[in-house]
Amino acid sequence: MRREGSAARSSRRIACLLGDAASSPAATAREFSPWVELSDDGAAYFDVRGCGALHGDEEGLAADVAARAGAGARVGIAGSKAAARLAADGALGVIPSGKDREALARLSLEALHPSPEVAAAFRRWGITRCGRLAALPRGEVALRLGAEGARLWEIAAGEDDEPLVPA
């Protein structure tokens, strides 16, 4: 997979819309962007670079998306799919550009859904928050916990670059 540099990551703006199937997150997302990816669990991810200005700012965009999606909809906007999902799940809302790491730092590692084995390792290490995981050297985490540990570190550190794959 091609790895994006930090400048490219900081220019990405991805929204995640969570709602029930009746609210059709994908259809709502397509009203705001042609670049929409639907996950297996029904979440819609979409590229919102430059869209904030059309709604006042990104907070206005998030409010407009949520209003269009209906009751119970949750929206997160961040620099990556993972951070946007965590923002929607954790009611963080809009994470300012380039601030994924700082915004996610206070979240519990449970929000990343580690496997039981990796969660047990984090507990043994006394690591309970994303910020504490991100403070560790990525290579050491990968060495001890493999690909899953490396992936969780990337998310916690705001360095996730999983591409948006429009359908």
Foldseek 3Di string as FASTA:
>chain_A
DDADDLVLLLQWKKKKKDDDVVLQLQVLVCVQAVQWDADPVGIIMHTCRPVQVVQVGQLSVQVVSDVSSDPPMFMAMESDPLLRVLCRVVVVHYQHRPCSLVSQFAAFLVSVVDDPVVVVVCVVVVHTGLNVLLPDDLVVQCVVPNPSSNQSNCNNRSRDDDDRDGD
